Amino acid sequence: MASFRHLAERALLGPVARVVPAQLQPFFQRALAAAVRHLPVLDPTSPASVAVKNQAELSFWRDWLGRHGTAPATEYYRSFMMAMGGIADQDFFTGRVCVDLGCGPSGSLTWLHNAKAAIGVDPLAESYRQFGIDAHPMLYLACGAERLPFPTGYVDVVFSMNSLDHTDDVPAVCREIRRVLKPGGHFIGSLNLNEPPTATEPWMLTEELLAEHLFAGWRRQFYKVRPKLEHEPDPYRYFHEEPPPDLPSDGPQALWCRYQAVP
């Protein structure tokens, strides 16, 4: 977990880098970091920490969509989300209620035309309307994953695509995922492991934390951990090819997985 100081510093240093001349950036960054150190240490679930995180999330999406456009990234999400669950046939989702946690504004479930329902959950969904989400062939719900607006045992498939560590309270989200999944339903995830907390990702996920809070008692159907490449165009390259044997194993990793909730 990250302190409010850490979250504020990461959220504010980005804008400084965009507007301050390069030769002055070291001075401004030192001054800002010194000021942030005087802020109180707060839990990442506190309103102040959440506000900083939400602002950083919106800044990221404005920049990303400004460079890449606001059209739904339908084929990208279809390919990635099926691969992260080890699923080869889209018929797997036919007639099912599918929910994506922390969906973002790029149409993460617009490819699920055969599902009974394709629902994106994101606390910033109201703000995402500025990016044109009303035109997407999926539903958006403006709420956090810590309290999902579904009856118990209602959802067939829950996706989390690099979003679980963005939430305000990971154990609470895990409890909600387990509550809303039907017996026999599936959790499909791409989960970043062993990454230090940041402004938008205030939790560090580990295999041990996930085994305790999310996967306990479930049936493992697909599970793949690989090194995550931080400074390459495809951070998930080693899910498609074998990593070199001498690659260090103590850095950031990613987990692709599919679990079934046991009836």
Protein backbone atom coordinates (compact mmCIF):
# COMPACT_ATOMS: atom_id res chain seq x y z
CA MET A 1 0.00 0.00 0.00
CA ALA A 2 1.13 3.56 -0.65
CA SER A 3 1.00 6.61 1.59
CA PHE A 4 -0.83 9.76 0.54
CA ARG A 5 2.58 11.42 0.26
CA HIS A 6 3.69 8.85 -2.31
CA LEU A 7 0.44 9.08 -4.26
CA ALA A 8 0.49 12.87 -4.36
CA GLU A 9 4.11 13.03 -5.46
CA ARG A 10 3.56 10.58 -8.34
CA ALA A 11 0.36 12.32 -9.45
CA LEU A 12 1.90 15.81 -9.45
CA LEU A 13 5.35 15.17 -10.88
CA GLY A 14 3.88 14.06 -14.22
CA PRO A 15 2.25 17.44 -14.96
CA VAL A 16 5.48 19.20 -13.87
CA ALA A 17 7.42 17.22 -16.49
CA ARG A 18 4.97 18.34 -19.20
CA VAL A 19 4.95 22.10 -18.53
CA VAL A 20 8.30 23.00 -16.95
CA PRO A 21 11.36 23.52 -19.19
CA ALA A 22 13.79 20.62 -19.03
CA GLN A 23 16.59 22.62 -17.44
CA LEU A 24 14.33 23.67 -14.55
CA GLN A 25 12.67 20.32 -13.90
CA PRO A 26 15.20 19.07 -11.30
CA PHE A 27 14.63 22.18 -9.15
CA PHE A 28 10.84 21.97 -9.36
CA GLN A 29 10.81 18.22 -8.69
CA ARG A 30 12.98 18.62 -5.57
CA ALA A 31 10.81 21.46 -4.30
CA LEU A 32 7.59 19.54 -4.94
CA ALA A 33 8.91 16.36 -3.33
CA ALA A 34 9.94 18.37 -0.25
CA ALA A 35 6.47 19.91 0.00
CA VAL A 36 4.76 16.56 -0.41
CA ARG A 37 6.82 15.08 2.43
CA HIS A 38 4.97 17.41 4.82
CA LEU A 39 1.59 15.94 3.85
CA PRO A 40 0.01 13.53 6.34
CA VAL A 41 0.37 9.79 5.84
CA LEU A 42 -3.08 8.43 5.00
CA ASP A 43 -4.48 5.04 4.13
CA PRO A 44 -5.01 4.52 0.36
CA THR A 45 -8.72 4.04 1.08
CA SER A 46 -9.03 7.56 2.53
CA PRO A 47 -10.96 10.20 0.52
CA ALA A 48 -7.81 12.28 0.01
CA SER A 49 -5.80 9.37 -1.42
CA VAL A 50 -8.71 8.26 -3.61
CA ALA A 51 -9.10 11.79 -5.01
CA VAL A 52 -5.42 11.94 -5.96
CA LYS A 53 -5.64 8.52 -7.61
CA ASN A 54 -8.79 9.38 -9.57
CA GLN A 55 -7.25 12.59 -10.88
CA ALA A 56 -4.15 10.69 -12.00
CA GLU A 57 -6.34 8.08 -13.75
CA LEU A 58 -8.27 10.74 -15.65
CA SER A 59 -5.05 12.49 -16.65
CA PHE A 60 -3.72 9.22 -18.02
CA TRP A 61 -6.83 8.57 -20.14
CA ARG A 62 -7.00 12.13 -21.48
CA ASP A 63 -3.41 11.83 -22.64
CA TRP A 64 -3.83 8.29 -24.04
CA LEU A 65 -7.05 8.96 -25.93
CA GLY A 66 -5.73 12.30 -27.16
CA ARG A 67 -2.89 10.42 -28.86
CA HIS A 68 -4.73 7.26 -29.94
CA GLY A 69 -8.31 8.41 -30.51
CA THR A 70 -11.55 7.60 -28.70
CA ALA A 71 -12.85 4.80 -30.95
CA PRO A 72 -13.35 1.50 -29.05
CA ALA A 73 -10.27 -0.74 -29.12
CA THR A 74 -12.51 -3.74 -29.79
CA GLU A 75 -10.06 -6.13 -31.44
CA TYR A 76 -7.26 -5.33 -29.01
CA TYR A 77 -9.46 -6.17 -26.04
CA ARG A 78 -10.89 -9.29 -27.66
CA SER A 79 -7.43 -10.69 -28.34
CA PHE A 80 -5.95 -9.73 -24.98
CA MET A 81 -8.86 -10.75 -22.76
CA MET A 82 -9.28 -14.15 -24.37
CA ALA A 83 -5.53 -14.80 -24.21
CA MET A 84 -5.27 -13.83 -20.55
CA GLY A 85 -7.86 -16.49 -19.74
CA GLY A 86 -6.41 -19.14 -22.02
CA ILE A 87 -9.62 -19.18 -24.09
CA ALA A 88 -9.53 -20.01 -27.80
CA ASP A 89 -13.22 -19.80 -28.72
CA GLN A 90 -15.43 -16.77 -28.11
CA ASP A 91 -18.43 -19.10 -27.81
CA PHE A 92 -17.24 -19.61 -24.23
CA PHE A 93 -19.08 -16.36 -23.40
CA THR A 94 -22.33 -17.02 -25.27
CA GLY A 95 -25.38 -16.21 -23.17
CA ARG A 96 -23.33 -15.22 -20.13
CA VAL A 97 -23.40 -12.13 -17.91
CA CYS A 98 -19.88 -10.68 -18.19
CA VAL A 99 -18.49 -7.89 -16.02
CA ASP A 100 -15.18 -6.05 -16.44
CA LEU A 101 -13.82 -4.36 -13.31
CA GLY A 102 -11.99 -1.07 -13.85
CA CYS A 103 -12.95 -1.13 -17.51
CA GLY A 104 -11.69 2.32 -18.55
CA PRO A 105 -13.24 4.29 -21.43
CA SER A 106 -11.98 2.34 -24.46
CA GLY A 107 -14.78 -0.18 -24.91
CA SER A 108 -13.22 -3.17 -23.19
CA LEU A 109 -16.25 -5.43 -23.72
CA THR A 110 -17.51 -4.16 -27.09
CA TRP A 111 -16.35 -7.45 -28.62
CA LEU A 112 -18.75 -9.53 -26.51
CA HIS A 113 -21.70 -9.38 -28.90
CA ASN A 114 -22.67 -12.95 -28.00
CA ALA A 115 -22.87 -12.40 -24.24
CA LYS A 116 -26.16 -12.00 -22.43
CA ALA A 117 -24.79 -8.77 -20.92
CA ALA A 118 -21.46 -6.95 -21.23
CA ILE A 119 -21.02 -4.56 -18.30
CA GLY A 120 -18.06 -2.35 -17.48
CA VAL A 121 -17.66 -1.18 -13.87
CA ASP A 122 -15.53 1.89 -13.17
CA PRO A 123 -15.80 4.63 -10.52
CA LEU A 124 -14.90 7.18 -13.22
CA ALA A 125 -17.55 6.09 -15.73
CA GLU A 126 -19.45 9.38 -15.36
CA SER A 127 -16.30 11.31 -16.28
CA TYR A 128 -15.66 8.92 -19.18
CA ARG A 129 -18.76 10.21 -20.97
CA GLN A 130 -16.58 13.06 -22.25
CA PHE A 131 -14.74 10.39 -24.27
CA GLY A 132 -17.87 9.13 -26.07
CA ILE A 133 -18.64 5.94 -24.16
CA ASP A 134 -22.39 6.47 -24.73
CA ALA A 135 -21.88 5.14 -28.26
CA HIS A 136 -20.26 1.87 -27.16
CA PRO A 137 -22.29 -1.37 -27.47
CA MET A 138 -21.80 -2.23 -23.79
CA LEU A 139 -23.08 -0.93 -20.47
CA TYR A 140 -21.06 1.22 -18.07
CA LEU A 141 -21.74 1.43 -14.33
CA ALA A 142 -20.24 4.29 -12.32
CA CYS A 143 -19.24 2.57 -9.10
CA GLY A 144 -16.26 1.07 -7.36
CA ALA A 145 -15.54 -2.63 -7.32
CA GLU A 146 -15.56 -2.58 -3.51
CA ARG A 147 -19.38 -2.60 -3.59
CA LEU A 148 -20.74 -4.15 -6.77
CA PRO A 149 -24.41 -3.48 -7.63
CA PHE A 150 -25.24 -7.09 -8.47
CA PRO A 151 -27.16 -9.73 -6.53
CA THR A 152 -25.18 -12.55 -4.99
CA GLY A 153 -24.39 -15.31 -7.50
CA TYR A 154 -25.55 -13.23 -10.48
CA VAL A 155 -22.47 -12.92 -12.72
CA ASP A 156 -21.06 -15.65 -14.99
CA VAL A 157 -17.68 -14.08 -15.80
CA VAL A 158 -15.68 -11.40 -13.98
CA PHE A 159 -12.72 -9.86 -15.84
CA SER A 160 -9.92 -7.87 -14.26
CA MET A 161 -7.49 -6.67 -16.87
CA ASN A 162 -4.62 -4.94 -15.07
CA SER A 163 -7.13 -3.22 -12.80
CA LEU A 164 -7.15 -4.97 -9.42
CA ASP A 165 -4.13 -3.06 -8.11
CA HIS A 166 -5.87 0.21 -9.14
CA THR A 167 -8.73 -0.35 -6.68
CA ASP A 168 -9.02 1.38 -3.31
CA ASP A 169 -9.29 -1.80 -1.21
CA VAL A 170 -8.10 -5.05 -2.77
CA PRO A 171 -9.37 -7.45 -0.05
CA ALA A 172 -12.83 -5.84 -0.24
CA VAL A 173 -12.86 -6.19 -4.03
CA CYS A 174 -11.88 -9.84 -3.77
CA ARG A 175 -14.78 -10.46 -1.40
CA GLU A 176 -17.18 -8.80 -3.83
CA ILE A 177 -15.89 -10.83 -6.80
CA ARG A 178 -16.43 -14.02 -4.84
CA ARG A 179 -19.91 -12.88 -3.78
CA VAL A 180 -21.28 -11.95 -7.21
CA LEU A 181 -19.86 -14.92 -9.16
CA LYS A 182 -22.31 -17.74 -9.77
CA PRO A 183 -21.31 -21.22 -8.61
CA GLY A 184 -19.42 -22.53 -11.62
CA GLY A 185 -18.73 -18.97 -12.83
CA HIS A 186 -15.29 -17.81 -13.93
CA PHE A 187 -12.77 -15.17 -12.94
CA ILE A 188 -10.40 -14.19 -15.77
CA GLY A 189 -7.51 -11.91 -14.94
CA SER A 190 -4.34 -10.19 -16.02
CA LEU A 191 -2.76 -9.16 -12.74
CA ASN A 192 0.47 -7.21 -12.30
CA LEU A 193 2.66 -8.70 -9.56
CA ASN A 194 5.45 -7.31 -7.37
CA GLU A 195 5.18 -3.74 -8.68
CA PRO A 196 5.80 -0.89 -6.21
CA PRO A 197 2.69 1.22 -5.54
CA THR A 198 2.06 4.30 -7.67
CA ALA A 199 -0.51 7.09 -7.77
CA THR A 200 -2.91 5.03 -9.85
CA GLU A 201 -1.92 1.58 -8.51
CA PRO A 202 -1.82 1.94 -4.71
CA TRP A 203 -1.63 -1.82 -3.99
CA MET A 204 1.19 -4.25 -4.67
CA LEU A 205 -0.23 -7.62 -5.69
CA THR A 206 1.55 -10.88 -4.91
CA GLU A 207 0.66 -14.50 -5.63
CA GLU A 208 0.29 -15.06 -1.89
CA LEU A 209 -2.18 -12.19 -1.44
CA LEU A 210 -4.29 -13.40 -4.38
CA ALA A 211 -4.26 -17.00 -3.17
CA GLU A 212 -5.52 -15.90 0.24
CA HIS A 213 -8.14 -13.32 -0.71
CA LEU A 214 -9.36 -14.27 -4.18
CA PHE A 215 -8.54 -17.80 -5.33
CA ALA A 216 -9.05 -19.81 -2.13
CA GLY A 217 -11.15 -22.91 -2.78
CA TRP A 218 -11.58 -22.21 -6.50
CA ARG A 219 -10.62 -24.54 -9.32
CA ARG A 220 -7.56 -23.39 -11.28
CA GLN A 221 -8.10 -23.79 -15.04
CA PHE A 222 -5.35 -21.58 -16.48
CA TYR A 223 -2.37 -20.02 -14.69
CA LYS A 224 0.67 -18.41 -16.27
CA VAL A 225 3.23 -16.12 -14.62
CA ARG A 226 5.82 -14.34 -16.75
CA PRO A 227 8.24 -11.42 -16.37
CA LYS A 228 6.67 -8.09 -17.27
CA LEU A 229 8.85 -5.88 -19.47
CA GLU A 230 8.69 -2.30 -18.28
CA HIS A 231 10.30 -0.40 -21.14
CA GLU A 232 9.29 -2.32 -24.26
CA PRO A 233 6.37 -1.82 -26.68
CA ASP A 234 4.82 -5.12 -25.54
CA PRO A 235 5.24 -5.59 -21.76
CA TYR A 236 3.59 -9.03 -22.09
CA ARG A 237 5.86 -10.41 -24.78
CA TYR A 238 6.84 -13.44 -22.72
CA PHE A 239 3.26 -14.67 -22.66
CA HIS A 240 3.69 -15.30 -26.39
CA GLU A 241 7.27 -16.58 -26.38
CA GLU A 242 9.53 -18.25 -23.84
CA PRO A 243 11.68 -15.88 -21.75
CA PRO A 244 15.46 -16.34 -21.89
CA PRO A 245 16.70 -18.68 -19.12
CA ASP A 246 19.03 -16.05 -17.63
CA LEU A 247 16.31 -13.42 -17.20
CA PRO A 248 16.13 -12.23 -13.55
CA SER A 249 13.02 -13.54 -11.79
CA ASP A 250 12.83 -11.03 -8.93
CA GLY A 251 11.36 -8.08 -10.84
CA PRO A 252 7.83 -7.13 -11.90
CA GLN A 253 5.74 -9.99 -13.22
CA ALA A 254 2.27 -10.54 -14.62
CA LEU A 255 -0.19 -13.35 -13.98
CA TRP A 256 -2.73 -14.48 -16.58
CA CYS A 257 -5.31 -16.79 -15.11
CA ARG A 258 -8.76 -18.35 -15.22
CA TYR A 259 -10.41 -19.77 -12.11
CA GLN A 260 -13.80 -21.38 -11.67
CA ALA A 261 -15.87 -20.76 -8.56
CA VAL A 262 -16.58 -24.18 -7.08
CA PRO A 263 -20.32 -24.84 -6.52
